[in-house]
């Protein structure tokens, strides 16, 4: 009888003992590639790889660039009460939604775009549990891309700047980086600015208009690779491609990279870094909220091309454990460290 009682108790205990820590990620993009490019698909792929390494139960929902849908997905995720909810504050639309909640026990981790310092304070004062955040140094990205394009031009640099949107911190910071670069080069000038909502189609339309009427622009600075491709399509139609350098932020696949003159990327890896940090937080390897701004960006090269190919082939073999503070000497999370780990396996 005693054995039977003990066995029943053990059966009830086992699920809690062996239950995986649950993570929900509300991805603002699409599950597959589309007119805004494959960036958010690649972010999810790397996050899945990291989740496997840490034995985390990761669920990803896609908002398909629809902010009404994103808010609905956030509300449903909070009702599900995961151990951690990962959000992207794209176009700064989530703060008011979170402030409208009466209460939630779900800790929130911001990825790539987080609320401002003032907004974070308001959320914390409201009782929202902010576990941390990781975002790239987008000013570095905008400046590095502009610097490389000016260096490649070797003559007067007159930019058409195509940004993603008017409100997202990442877009604003990238544009600020561009402006800082131009200010440090006597031969550089921003001739025109536009916003294409991260879309190749919209960038094509804008570029067609600008390059049809302005003859002195010789550089396109695009805040992502999809918009760069849209500009290239317009330049091809106008027979001006050979006269204009095109640069973009994001590491694309080889077929796209070969069309663009300069590409800067690395931030696609930060979703995986978020899971490293979340694993450390949930398992008490780190106790304080961690807010990271990472200077992750570097120019696309043969090694990073192979890394992106592996992401798309679902055959990436990086041991993300090496970045965890559960190790005595964790590796710094950087492009160099990621490439080193990938090279050890199949890169």
C-alpha atoms as a PDB file:
ATOM      1  CA  UNK A   1       0.000   0.000   0.000  1.00  0.00           C
ATOM      2  CA  UNK A   2       2.774   2.402   0.997  1.00  0.00           C
ATOM      3  CA  UNK A   3       4.598   1.641  -2.265  1.00  0.00           C
ATOM      4  CA  UNK A   4       1.442   2.416  -4.263  1.00  0.00           C
ATOM      5  CA  UNK A   5       0.967   5.778  -2.497  1.00  0.00           C
ATOM      6  CA  UNK A   6       4.628   6.658  -3.079  1.00  0.00           C
ATOM      7  CA  UNK A   7       4.344   5.718  -6.772  1.00  0.00           C
ATOM      8  CA  UNK A   8       1.252   7.944  -7.220  1.00  0.00           C
ATOM      9  CA  UNK A   9       3.006  10.868  -5.527  1.00  0.00           C
ATOM     10  CA  UNK A  10       6.016  10.337  -7.776  1.00  0.00           C
ATOM     11  CA  UNK A  11       3.813  10.400 -10.888  1.00  0.00           C
ATOM     12  CA  UNK A  12       2.383  13.767  -9.857  1.00  0.00           C
ATOM     13  CA  UNK A  13       5.829  15.170  -9.129  1.00  0.00           C
ATOM     14  CA  UNK A  14       7.557  14.035 -12.299  1.00  0.00           C
ATOM     15  CA  UNK A  15       6.007  16.583 -14.702  1.00  0.00           C
ATOM     16  CA  UNK A  16       7.121  19.531 -12.567  1.00  0.00           C
ATOM     17  CA  UNK A  17      10.577  18.080 -12.063  1.00  0.00           C
ATOM     18  CA  UNK A  18      11.193  17.421 -15.725  1.00  0.00           C
ATOM     19  CA  UNK A  19       9.105  20.224 -17.288  1.00  0.00           C
ATOM     20  CA  UNK A  20      11.077  22.404 -19.658  1.00  0.00           C
ATOM     21  CA  UNK A  21      11.261  26.131 -19.045  1.00  0.00           C
ATOM     22  CA  UNK A  22       8.792  27.734 -21.435  1.00  0.00           C
ATOM     23  CA  UNK A  23       9.652  30.714 -23.639  1.00  0.00           C
ATOM     24  CA  UNK A  24       7.282  32.510 -26.010  1.00  0.00           C
ATOM     25  CA  UNK A  25       8.683  34.819 -28.684  1.00  0.00           C
ATOM     26  CA  UNK A  26       6.384  37.188 -30.583  1.00  0.00           C
ATOM     27  CA  UNK A  27       8.223  37.636 -33.865  1.00  0.00           C
ATOM     28  CA  UNK A  28       7.064  40.865 -35.588  1.00  0.00           C
ATOM     29  CA  UNK A  29       7.990  39.517 -39.038  1.00  0.00           C
ATOM     30  CA  UNK A  30       7.044  36.584 -41.234  1.00  0.00           C
ATOM     31  CA  UNK A  31       7.730  32.877 -40.838  1.00  0.00           C
ATOM     32  CA  UNK A  32       9.366  32.789 -44.283  1.00  0.00           C
ATOM     33  CA  UNK A  33      11.063  35.257 -46.611  1.00  0.00           C
ATOM     34  CA  UNK A  34       8.914  38.042 -48.134  1.00  0.00           C
ATOM     35  CA  UNK A  35       9.156  41.625 -49.454  1.00  0.00           C
ATOM     36  CA  UNK A  36      10.909  42.683 -46.221  1.00  0.00           C
ATOM     37  CA  UNK A  37      13.523  39.928 -46.614  1.00  0.00           C
ATOM     38  CA  UNK A  38      14.371  36.790 -44.600  1.00  0.00           C
ATOM     39  CA  UNK A  39      15.785  38.557 -41.513  1.00  0.00           C
ATOM     40  CA  UNK A  40      13.103  37.564 -38.999  1.00  0.00           C
ATOM     41  CA  UNK A  41      13.037  34.002 -40.332  1.00  0.00           C
ATOM     42  CA  UNK A  42      16.790  33.802 -39.698  1.00  0.00           C
ATOM     43  CA  UNK A  43      16.409  35.240 -36.187  1.00  0.00           C
ATOM     44  CA  UNK A  44      13.932  32.468 -35.372  1.00  0.00           C
ATOM     45  CA  UNK A  45      16.173  29.764 -36.822  1.00  0.00           C
ATOM     46  CA  UNK A  46      19.109  30.771 -34.615  1.00  0.00           C
ATOM     47  CA  UNK A  47      16.847  31.009 -31.577  1.00  0.00           C
ATOM     48  CA  UNK A  48      15.601  27.484 -32.176  1.00  0.00           C
ATOM     49  CA  UNK A  49      19.198  26.243 -32.282  1.00  0.00           C
ATOM     50  CA  UNK A  50      19.980  27.977 -28.996  1.00  0.00           C
ATOM     51  CA  UNK A  51      16.779  26.676 -27.388  1.00  0.00           C
ATOM     52  CA  UNK A  52      17.784  23.097 -28.277  1.00  0.00           C
ATOM     53  CA  UNK A  53      21.185  23.571 -26.659  1.00  0.00           C
ATOM     54  CA  UNK A  54      19.607  24.777 -23.410  1.00  0.00           C
ATOM     55  CA  UNK A  55      16.624  22.393 -23.546  1.00  0.00           C
ATOM     56  CA  UNK A  56      14.176  25.292 -23.512  1.00  0.00           C
ATOM     57  CA  UNK A  57      10.598  24.971 -24.751  1.00  0.00           C
ATOM     58  CA  UNK A  58      10.515  27.796 -27.306  1.00  0.00           C
ATOM     59  CA  UNK A  59       7.257  28.756 -29.038  1.00  0.00           C
ATOM     60  CA  UNK A  60       7.332  31.385 -31.801  1.00  0.00           C
ATOM     61  CA  UNK A  61       4.291  33.307 -33.058  1.00  0.00           C
ATOM     62  CA  UNK A  62       4.491  35.614 -36.108  1.00  0.00           C
ATOM     63  CA  UNK A  63       2.758  38.989 -36.354  1.00  0.00           C
ATOM     64  CA  UNK A  64       3.416  39.334 -40.118  1.00  0.00           C
ATOM     65  CA  UNK A  65       4.268  43.044 -39.761  1.00  0.00           C
ATOM     66  CA  UNK A  66       0.759  43.676 -38.448  1.00  0.00           C
ATOM     67  CA  UNK A  67       0.893  45.602 -35.194  1.00  0.00           C
ATOM     68  CA  UNK A  68      -2.745  44.932 -34.346  1.00  0.00           C
ATOM     69  CA  UNK A  69      -2.031  41.217 -34.698  1.00  0.00           C
ATOM     70  CA  UNK A  70       1.150  41.637 -32.647  1.00  0.00           C
ATOM     71  CA  UNK A  71      -0.803  43.160 -29.760  1.00  0.00           C
ATOM     72  CA  UNK A  72      -3.311  40.293 -29.931  1.00  0.00           C
ATOM     73  CA  UNK A  73      -0.491  37.732 -29.841  1.00  0.00           C
ATOM     74  CA  UNK A  74       1.098  39.496 -26.862  1.00  0.00           C
ATOM     75  CA  UNK A  75      -2.197  39.390 -24.935  1.00  0.00           C
ATOM     76  CA  UNK A  76      -2.611  35.659 -25.633  1.00  0.00           C
ATOM     77  CA  UNK A  77       1.027  34.962 -24.677  1.00  0.00           C
ATOM     78  CA  UNK A  78       0.595  36.717 -21.326  1.00  0.00           C
ATOM     79  CA  UNK A  79      -2.498  34.603 -20.646  1.00  0.00           C
ATOM     80  CA  UNK A  80      -0.386  31.477 -21.299  1.00  0.00           C
ATOM     81  CA  UNK A  81       1.992  32.487 -18.463  1.00  0.00           C
ATOM     82  CA  UNK A  82       5.324  31.288 -19.911  1.00  0.00           C
ATOM     83  CA  UNK A  83       8.495  31.439 -17.858  1.00  0.00           C
ATOM     84  CA  UNK A  84       9.655  34.257 -20.162  1.00  0.00           C
ATOM     85  CA  UNK A  85       8.031  36.335 -22.911  1.00  0.00           C
ATOM     86  CA  UNK A  86      10.314  37.827 -25.585  1.00  0.00           C
ATOM     87  CA  UNK A  87       8.993  40.957 -27.285  1.00  0.00           C
ATOM     88  CA  UNK A  88      10.230  43.307 -30.005  1.00  0.00           C
ATOM     89  CA  UNK A  89       9.029  46.871 -29.413  1.00  0.00           C
ATOM     90  CA  UNK A  90       8.825  47.625 -33.128  1.00  0.00           C
ATOM     91  CA  UNK A  91       7.488  51.119 -33.881  1.00  0.00           C
ATOM     92  CA  UNK A  92       7.251  51.587 -30.086  1.00  0.00           C
ATOM     93  CA  UNK A  93       3.717  50.168 -29.939  1.00  0.00           C
ATOM     94  CA  UNK A  94       3.961  47.840 -26.922  1.00  0.00           C
ATOM     95  CA  UNK A  95       4.515  50.158 -23.954  1.00  0.00           C
ATOM     96  CA  UNK A  96       0.917  51.417 -23.828  1.00  0.00           C
ATOM     97  CA  UNK A  97      -0.449  47.891 -24.177  1.00  0.00           C
ATOM     98  CA  UNK A  98       1.667  46.648 -21.266  1.00  0.00           C
ATOM     99  CA  UNK A  99       0.710  49.678 -19.170  1.00  0.00           C
ATOM    100  CA  UNK A 100      -2.975  48.827 -19.738  1.00  0.00           C
ATOM    101  CA  UNK A 101      -2.558  45.473 -17.963  1.00  0.00           C
ATOM    102  CA  UNK A 102      -3.801  45.260 -14.399  1.00  0.00           C
ATOM    103  CA  UNK A 103      -1.031  42.833 -13.513  1.00  0.00           C
ATOM    104  CA  UNK A 104       1.040  40.021 -14.937  1.00  0.00           C
ATOM    105  CA  UNK A 105       3.463  37.584 -13.387  1.00  0.00           C
ATOM    106  CA  UNK A 106       5.148  36.945 -16.742  1.00  0.00           C
ATOM    107  CA  UNK A 107       8.673  38.372 -16.978  1.00  0.00           C
ATOM    108  CA  UNK A 108       9.399  40.182 -20.250  1.00  0.00           C
ATOM    109  CA  UNK A 109      12.641  40.300 -22.200  1.00  0.00           C
ATOM    110  CA  UNK A 110      13.026  42.793 -25.060  1.00  0.00           C
ATOM    111  CA  UNK A 111      14.884  41.820 -28.230  1.00  0.00           C
ATOM    112  CA  UNK A 112      16.450  44.140 -30.858  1.00  0.00           C
ATOM    113  CA  UNK A 113      14.050  47.030 -30.104  1.00  0.00           C
ATOM    114  CA  UNK A 114      13.280  47.932 -26.513  1.00  0.00           C
ATOM    115  CA  UNK A 115      11.330  50.825 -24.952  1.00  0.00           C
ATOM    116  CA  UNK A 116      13.158  54.010 -23.976  1.00  0.00           C
ATOM    117  CA  UNK A 117      14.644  54.386 -20.495  1.00  0.00           C
ATOM    118  CA  UNK A 118      11.659  56.501 -19.444  1.00  0.00           C
ATOM    119  CA  UNK A 119       9.218  53.927 -20.820  1.00  0.00           C
ATOM    120  CA  UNK A 120      11.062  51.078 -19.069  1.00  0.00           C
ATOM    121  CA  UNK A 121      10.786  52.980 -15.775  1.00  0.00           C
ATOM    122  CA  UNK A 122       7.048  53.479 -16.309  1.00  0.00           C
ATOM    123  CA  UNK A 123       6.614  49.763 -16.994  1.00  0.00           C
ATOM    124  CA  UNK A 124       8.570  48.769 -13.903  1.00  0.00           C
ATOM    125  CA  UNK A 125       6.644  51.277 -11.743  1.00  0.00           C
ATOM    126  CA  UNK A 126       3.419  49.739 -13.115  1.00  0.00           C
ATOM    127  CA  UNK A 127       4.520  46.318 -11.867  1.00  0.00           C
ATOM    128  CA  UNK A 128       5.660  44.825 -15.156  1.00  0.00           C
ATOM    129  CA  UNK A 129       8.576  42.452 -14.630  1.00  0.00           C
ATOM    130  CA  UNK A 130      11.358  43.483 -17.023  1.00  0.00           C
ATOM    131  CA  UNK A 131      13.901  40.653 -17.086  1.00  0.00           C
ATOM    132  CA  UNK A 132      16.332  42.393 -19.444  1.00  0.00           C
ATOM    133  CA  UNK A 133      16.994  43.216 -23.061  1.00  0.00           C
ATOM    134  CA  UNK A 134      19.505  42.886 -25.853  1.00  0.00           C
ATOM    135  CA  UNK A 135      19.782  45.248 -28.786  1.00  0.00           C
ATOM    136  CA  UNK A 136      22.504  46.030 -31.319  1.00  0.00           C
ATOM    137  CA  UNK A 137      24.414  49.294 -31.536  1.00  0.00           C
ATOM    138  CA  UNK A 138      22.447  50.564 -34.508  1.00  0.00           C
ATOM    139  CA  UNK A 139      24.395  53.815 -34.667  1.00  0.00           C
ATOM    140  CA  UNK A 140      27.478  51.677 -35.297  1.00  0.00           C
ATOM    141  CA  UNK A 141      25.638  49.925 -38.133  1.00  0.00           C
ATOM    142  CA  UNK A 142      24.529  53.112 -39.867  1.00  0.00           C
ATOM    143  CA  UNK A 143      27.943  54.721 -39.536  1.00  0.00           C
ATOM    144  CA  UNK A 144      29.926  51.641 -40.560  1.00  0.00           C
ATOM    145  CA  UNK A 145      27.821  51.138 -43.683  1.00  0.00           C
ATOM    146  CA  UNK A 146      28.204  54.781 -44.691  1.00  0.00           C
ATOM    147  CA  UNK A 147      31.953  54.731 -44.002  1.00  0.00           C
ATOM    148  CA  UNK A 148      32.450  51.668 -46.189  1.00  0.00           C
ATOM    149  CA  UNK A 149      30.395  53.141 -49.029  1.00  0.00           C
ATOM    150  CA  UNK A 150      32.297  56.455 -48.930  1.00  0.00           C
ATOM    151  CA  UNK A 151      35.584  54.554 -48.870  1.00  0.00           C
ATOM    152  CA  UNK A 152      34.494  52.493 -51.862  1.00  0.00           C
ATOM    153  CA  UNK A 153      33.255  55.529 -53.791  1.00  0.00           C
ATOM    154  CA  UNK A 154      36.645  57.331 -53.725  1.00  0.00           C
ATOM    155  CA  UNK A 155      34.973  60.533 -54.921  1.00  0.00           C
ATOM    156  CA  UNK A 156      32.077  62.792 -53.925  1.00  0.00           C
ATOM    157  CA  UNK A 157      29.471  60.723 -52.089  1.00  0.00           C
ATOM    158  CA  UNK A 158      25.878  61.884 -52.564  1.00  0.00           C
ATOM    159  CA  UNK A 159      23.487  59.627 -50.662  1.00  0.00           C
ATOM    160  CA  UNK A 160      19.924  58.548 -51.127  1.00  0.00           C
ATOM    161  CA  UNK A 161      19.093  57.256 -47.632  1.00  0.00           C
ATOM    162  CA  UNK A 162      16.280  54.687 -47.501  1.00  0.00           C
ATOM    163  CA  UNK A 163      15.244  54.043 -43.900  1.00  0.00           C
ATOM    164  CA  UNK A 164      12.839  51.435 -42.550  1.00  0.00           C
ATOM    165  CA  UNK A 165      10.339  53.601 -40.660  1.00  0.00           C
ATOM    166  CA  UNK A 166       9.945  56.882 -38.778  1.00  0.00           C
ATOM    167  CA  UNK A 167       9.599  55.640 -35.188  1.00  0.00           C
ATOM    168  CA  UNK A 168      11.506  52.420 -34.395  1.00  0.00           C
ATOM    169  CA  UNK A 169      14.614  53.122 -32.315  1.00  0.00           C
ATOM    170  CA  UNK A 170      16.708  50.913 -34.593  1.00  0.00           C
ATOM    171  CA  UNK A 171      15.746  52.928 -37.666  1.00  0.00           C
ATOM    172  CA  UNK A 172      16.351  56.276 -35.962  1.00  0.00           C
ATOM    173  CA  UNK A 173      19.732  55.165 -34.605  1.00  0.00           C
ATOM    174  CA  UNK A 174      20.856  53.819 -37.986  1.00  0.00           C
ATOM    175  CA  UNK A 175      20.037  57.147 -39.592  1.00  0.00           C
ATOM    176  CA  UNK A 176      21.934  58.965 -36.839  1.00  0.00           C
ATOM    177  CA  UNK A 177      24.961  56.772 -37.563  1.00  0.00           C
ATOM    178  CA  UNK A 178      24.715  57.680 -41.257  1.00  0.00           C
ATOM    179  CA  UNK A 179      24.589  61.380 -40.387  1.00  0.00           C
ATOM    180  CA  UNK A 180      27.622  61.075 -38.101  1.00  0.00           C
ATOM    181  CA  UNK A 181      29.598  59.430 -40.899  1.00  0.00           C
ATOM    182  CA  UNK A 182      28.648  62.116 -43.423  1.00  0.00           C
ATOM    183  CA  UNK A 183      29.644  64.851 -40.984  1.00  0.00           C
ATOM    184  CA  UNK A 184      33.167  63.415 -40.739  1.00  0.00           C
ATOM    185  CA  UNK A 185      33.747  63.288 -44.513  1.00  0.00           C
ATOM    186  CA  UNK A 186      34.136  66.498 -46.471  1.00  0.00           C
ATOM    187  CA  UNK A 187      33.121  64.846 -49.738  1.00  0.00           C
ATOM    188  CA  UNK A 188      29.873  63.318 -48.412  1.00  0.00           C
ATOM    189  CA  UNK A 189      26.321  64.643 -48.506  1.00  0.00           C
ATOM    190  CA  UNK A 190      22.822  63.270 -47.894  1.00  0.00           C
ATOM    191  CA  UNK A 191      20.982  64.419 -51.001  1.00  0.00           C
ATOM    192  CA  UNK A 192      17.625  62.793 -50.195  1.00  0.00           C
ATOM    193  CA  UNK A 193      15.929  60.723 -47.470  1.00  0.00           C
ATOM    194  CA  UNK A 194      12.921  58.466 -47.652  1.00  0.00           C
ATOM    195  CA  UNK A 195      11.203  55.672 -45.697  1.00  0.00           C
ATOM    196  CA  UNK A 196      10.126  52.391 -47.314  1.00  0.00           C
ATOM    197  CA  UNK A 197       8.763  50.386 -44.339  1.00  0.00           C
ATOM    198  CA  UNK A 198      11.516  47.782 -44.747  1.00  0.00           C
ATOM    199  CA  UNK A 199       9.926  46.737 -48.072  1.00  0.00           C
ATOM    200  CA  UNK A 200      11.628  46.028 -51.408  1.00  0.00           C
ATOM    201  CA  UNK A 201       8.476  47.086 -53.263  1.00  0.00           C
ATOM    202  CA  UNK A 202       8.261  50.484 -51.600  1.00  0.00           C
ATOM    203  CA  UNK A 203      12.020  51.073 -51.953  1.00  0.00           C
ATOM    204  CA  UNK A 204      11.728  50.316 -55.667  1.00  0.00           C
ATOM    205  CA  UNK A 205       8.987  52.920 -56.107  1.00  0.00           C
ATOM    206  CA  UNK A 206      10.835  55.596 -54.141  1.00  0.00           C
ATOM    207  CA  UNK A 207      14.134  54.919 -55.900  1.00  0.00           C
ATOM    208  CA  UNK A 208      12.506  55.042 -59.313  1.00  0.00           C
ATOM    209  CA  UNK A 209      11.168  58.492 -58.511  1.00  0.00           C
ATOM    210  CA  UNK A 210      14.343  59.929 -57.035  1.00  0.00           C
ATOM    211  CA  UNK A 211      16.760  58.601 -59.646  1.00  0.00           C
ATOM    212  CA  UNK A 212      14.472  59.656 -62.494  1.00  0.00           C
ATOM    213  CA  UNK A 213      14.784  63.292 -61.428  1.00  0.00           C
ATOM    214  CA  UNK A 214      18.151  63.632 -59.647  1.00  0.00           C
ATOM    215  CA  UNK A 215      21.351  62.939 -61.528  1.00  0.00           C
ATOM    216  CA  UNK A 216      23.972  63.635 -58.859  1.00  0.00           C
ATOM    217  CA  UNK A 217      23.160  60.834 -56.400  1.00  0.00           C
ATOM    218  CA  UNK A 218      25.708  58.019 -56.577  1.00  0.00           C
ATOM    219  CA  UNK A 219      25.115  56.028 -53.366  1.00  0.00           C
ATOM    220  CA  UNK A 220      22.111  54.248 -51.902  1.00  0.00           C
ATOM    221  CA  UNK A 221      22.294  53.664 -48.151  1.00  0.00           C
ATOM    222  CA  UNK A 222      19.520  51.178 -47.239  1.00  0.00           C
ATOM    223  CA  UNK A 223      18.553  50.189 -43.696  1.00  0.00           C
ATOM    224  CA  UNK A 224      17.980  46.582 -44.780  1.00  0.00           C
ATOM    225  CA  UNK A 225      18.828  44.306 -47.698  1.00  0.00           C
ATOM    226  CA  UNK A 226      15.271  44.035 -49.025  1.00  0.00           C
ATOM    227  CA  UNK A 227      15.110  47.794 -49.585  1.00  0.00           C
ATOM    228  CA  UNK A 228      18.537  47.693 -51.245  1.00  0.00           C
ATOM    229  CA  UNK A 229      17.216  45.112 -53.710  1.00  0.00           C
ATOM    230  CA  UNK A 230      14.243  47.324 -54.462  1.00  0.00           C
ATOM    231  CA  UNK A 231      16.583  50.235 -55.215  1.00  0.00           C
ATOM    232  CA  UNK A 232      18.716  48.000 -57.448  1.00  0.00           C
ATOM    233  CA  UNK A 233      15.670  46.958 -59.468  1.00  0.00           C
ATOM    234  CA  UNK A 234      14.856  50.633 -60.057  1.00  0.00           C
ATOM    235  CA  UNK A 235      18.467  51.451 -61.008  1.00  0.00           C
ATOM    236  CA  UNK A 236      18.507  48.541 -63.459  1.00  0.00           C
ATOM    237  CA  UNK A 237      15.329  49.821 -65.114  1.00  0.00           C
ATOM    238  CA  UNK A 238      16.851  53.294 -65.446  1.00  0.00           C
ATOM    239  CA  UNK A 239      20.159  51.857 -66.703  1.00  0.00           C
ATOM    240  CA  UNK A 240      21.985  53.595 -63.832  1.00  0.00           C
ATOM    241  CA  UNK A 241      23.141  50.643 -61.726  1.00  0.00           C
ATOM    242  CA  UNK A 242      26.776  50.875 -62.857  1.00  0.00           C
ATOM    243  CA  UNK A 243      26.925  54.512 -61.688  1.00  0.00           C
ATOM    244  CA  UNK A 244      25.511  53.964 -58.176  1.00  0.00           C
ATOM    245  CA  UNK A 245      26.908  52.101 -55.173  1.00  0.00           C
ATOM    246  CA  UNK A 246      24.317  50.297 -53.053  1.00  0.00           C
ATOM    247  CA  UNK A 247      24.812  49.314 -49.426  1.00  0.00           C
ATOM    248  CA  UNK A 248      22.562  47.575 -46.910  1.00  0.00           C
ATOM    249  CA  UNK A 249      22.275  46.484 -43.295  1.00  0.00           C
ATOM    250  CA  UNK A 250      21.706  42.694 -42.921  1.00  0.00           C
ATOM    251  CA  UNK A 251      23.764  39.683 -43.958  1.00  0.00           C
ATOM    252  CA  UNK A 252      21.941  38.241 -46.997  1.00  0.00           C
ATOM    253  CA  UNK A 253      22.391  34.933 -48.768  1.00  0.00           C
ATOM    254  CA  UNK A 254      25.050  34.748 -51.473  1.00  0.00           C
ATOM    255  CA  UNK A 255      22.675  35.328 -54.401  1.00  0.00           C
ATOM    256  CA  UNK A 256      21.574  38.619 -52.847  1.00  0.00           C
ATOM    257  CA  UNK A 257      24.987  39.580 -51.437  1.00  0.00           C
ATOM    258  CA  UNK A 258      26.503  39.436 -54.908  1.00  0.00           C
ATOM    259  CA  UNK A 259      24.049  42.120 -56.085  1.00  0.00           C
ATOM    260  CA  UNK A 260      24.821  44.595 -53.277  1.00  0.00           C
ATOM    261  CA  UNK A 261      28.135  46.458 -53.102  1.00  0.00           C
ATOM    262  CA  UNK A 262      28.461  46.605 -49.292  1.00  0.00           C
ATOM    263  CA  UNK A 263      26.501  44.708 -46.626  1.00  0.00           C
ATOM    264  CA  UNK A 264      26.812  45.103 -42.856  1.00  0.00           C
ATOM    265  CA  UNK A 265      25.245  42.662 -40.400  1.00  0.00           C
ATOM    266  CA  UNK A 266      25.502  40.457 -37.344  1.00  0.00           C
ATOM    267  CA  UNK A 267      22.412  41.505 -35.365  1.00  0.00           C
ATOM    268  CA  UNK A 268      20.556  38.467 -36.729  1.00  0.00           C
ATOM    269  CA  UNK A 269      22.433  36.483 -34.055  1.00  0.00           C
ATOM    270  CA  UNK A 270      21.094  38.470 -31.096  1.00  0.00           C
ATOM    271  CA  UNK A 271      17.939  36.388 -30.687  1.00  0.00           C
ATOM    272  CA  UNK A 272      20.212  33.486 -29.787  1.00  0.00           C
ATOM    273  CA  UNK A 273      22.115  35.735 -27.377  1.00  0.00           C
ATOM    274  CA  UNK A 274      18.802  36.648 -25.747  1.00  0.00           C
ATOM    275  CA  UNK A 275      18.171  32.950 -25.070  1.00  0.00           C
ATOM    276  CA  UNK A 276      21.655  32.591 -23.564  1.00  0.00           C
ATOM    277  CA  UNK A 277      20.857  35.442 -21.175  1.00  0.00           C
ATOM    278  CA  UNK A 278      17.371  34.123 -20.422  1.00  0.00           C
ATOM    279  CA  UNK A 279      18.753  30.660 -19.618  1.00  0.00           C
ATOM    280  CA  UNK A 280      21.214  32.277 -17.202  1.00  0.00           C
ATOM    281  CA  UNK A 281      18.460  34.341 -15.561  1.00  0.00           C
ATOM    282  CA  UNK A 282      16.014  31.444 -15.179  1.00  0.00           C
ATOM    283  CA  UNK A 283      18.711  29.188 -13.751  1.00  0.00           C
ATOM    284  CA  UNK A 284      20.214  31.785 -11.383  1.00  0.00           C
ATOM    285  CA  UNK A 285      23.558  32.074 -13.168  1.00  0.00           C
ATOM    286  CA  UNK A 286      22.705  35.763 -13.387  1.00  0.00           C
ATOM    287  CA  UNK A 287      20.474  37.485 -10.840  1.00  0.00           C
ATOM    288  CA  UNK A 288      20.114  41.099 -12.016  1.00  0.00           C
ATOM    289  CA  UNK A 289      18.165  42.332 -15.039  1.00  0.00           C
ATOM    290  CA  UNK A 290      20.626  42.524 -17.919  1.00  0.00           C
ATOM    291  CA  UNK A 291      20.399  45.222 -20.548  1.00  0.00           C
ATOM    292  CA  UNK A 292      22.891  44.776 -23.370  1.00  0.00           C
ATOM    293  CA  UNK A 293      23.735  47.038 -26.293  1.00  0.00           C
ATOM    294  CA  UNK A 294      26.078  45.019 -28.496  1.00  0.00           C
ATOM    295  CA  UNK A 295      28.409  46.410 -31.157  1.00  0.00           C
ATOM    296  CA  UNK A 296      27.796  43.274 -33.206  1.00  0.00           C
ATOM    297  CA  UNK A 297      27.977  44.644 -36.742  1.00  0.00           C
ATOM    298  CA  UNK A 298      30.668  43.648 -39.236  1.00  0.00           C
ATOM    299  CA  UNK A 299      31.041  43.582 -42.996  1.00  0.00           C
ATOM    300  CA  UNK A 300      29.758  40.500 -44.831  1.00  0.00           C
ATOM    301  CA  UNK A 301      32.572  38.173 -45.961  1.00  0.00           C
ATOM    302  CA  UNK A 302      33.069  34.601 -47.097  1.00  0.00           C
ATOM    303  CA  UNK A 303      32.783  33.182 -43.570  1.00  0.00           C
ATOM    304  CA  UNK A 304      29.611  35.073 -42.706  1.00  0.00           C
ATOM    305  CA  UNK A 305      28.138  34.084 -46.073  1.00  0.00           C
ATOM    306  CA  UNK A 306      28.631  30.429 -45.126  1.00  0.00           C
ATOM    307  CA  UNK A 307      27.113  31.095 -41.703  1.00  0.00           C
ATOM    308  CA  UNK A 308      23.934  32.518 -43.290  1.00  0.00           C
ATOM    309  CA  UNK A 309      23.790  29.537 -45.660  1.00  0.00           C
ATOM    310  CA  UNK A 310      23.920  27.203 -42.665  1.00  0.00           C
ATOM    311  CA  UNK A 311      21.108  29.121 -40.954  1.00  0.00           C
ATOM    312  CA  UNK A 312      18.909  28.548 -44.015  1.00  0.00           C
ATOM    313  CA  UNK A 313      19.912  24.902 -44.366  1.00  0.00           C
ATOM    314  CA  UNK A 314      18.896  24.232 -40.751  1.00  0.00           C
ATOM    315  CA  UNK A 315      22.318  22.664 -40.328  1.00  0.00           C
ATOM    316  CA  UNK A 316      23.987  25.115 -37.967  1.00  0.00           C
ATOM    317  CA  UNK A 317      26.189  23.534 -35.317  1.00  0.00           C
ATOM    318  CA  UNK A 318      27.132  26.223 -32.789  1.00  0.00           C
ATOM    319  CA  UNK A 319      27.394  25.230 -29.146  1.00  0.00           C
ATOM    320  CA  UNK A 320      25.633  28.178 -27.507  1.00  0.00           C
ATOM    321  CA  UNK A 321      26.511  26.812 -24.058  1.00  0.00           C
ATOM    322  CA  UNK A 322      29.979  28.365 -24.421  1.00  0.00           C
ATOM    323  CA  UNK A 323      28.434  31.841 -24.006  1.00  0.00           C
ATOM    324  CA  UNK A 324      26.535  31.018 -20.802  1.00  0.00           C
ATOM    325  CA  UNK A 325      27.650  32.241 -17.388  1.00  0.00           C
ATOM    326  CA  UNK A 326      27.126  28.685 -16.185  1.00  0.00           C
ATOM    327  CA  UNK A 327      30.668  28.242 -17.537  1.00  0.00           C
ATOM    328  CA  UNK A 328      33.630  29.395 -15.472  1.00  0.00           C
ATOM    329  CA  UNK A 329      35.031  31.302 -18.466  1.00  0.00           C
ATOM    330  CA  UNK A 330      32.186  32.044 -20.891  1.00  0.00           C
ATOM    331  CA  UNK A 331      33.114  33.333 -24.338  1.00  0.00           C
ATOM    332  CA  UNK A 332      32.085  36.885 -25.203  1.00  0.00           C
ATOM    333  CA  UNK A 333      29.148  36.904 -27.603  1.00  0.00           C
ATOM    334  CA  UNK A 334      30.608  38.289 -30.827  1.00  0.00           C
ATOM    335  CA  UNK A 335      30.750  37.533 -34.535  1.00  0.00           C
ATOM    336  CA  UNK A 336      34.309  36.299 -34.084  1.00  0.00           C
ATOM    337  CA  UNK A 337      33.306  33.857 -31.331  1.00  0.00           C
ATOM    338  CA  UNK A 338      30.309  32.588 -33.314  1.00  0.00           C
ATOM    339  CA  UNK A 339      32.445  31.976 -36.395  1.00  0.00           C
ATOM    340  CA  UNK A 340      35.044  30.200 -34.252  1.00  0.00           C
ATOM    341  CA  UNK A 341      32.401  27.873 -32.807  1.00  0.00           C
ATOM    342  CA  UNK A 342      30.850  27.262 -36.228  1.00  0.00           C
ATOM    343  CA  UNK A 343      34.274  26.498 -37.732  1.00  0.00           C
ATOM    344  CA  UNK A 344      34.829  23.832 -35.089  1.00  0.00           C
ATOM    345  CA  UNK A 345      31.845  21.974 -36.514  1.00  0.00           C
ATOM    346  CA  UNK A 346      30.999  22.434 -40.178  1.00  0.00           C
ATOM    347  CA  UNK A 347      31.688  25.969 -41.372  1.00  0.00           C
END
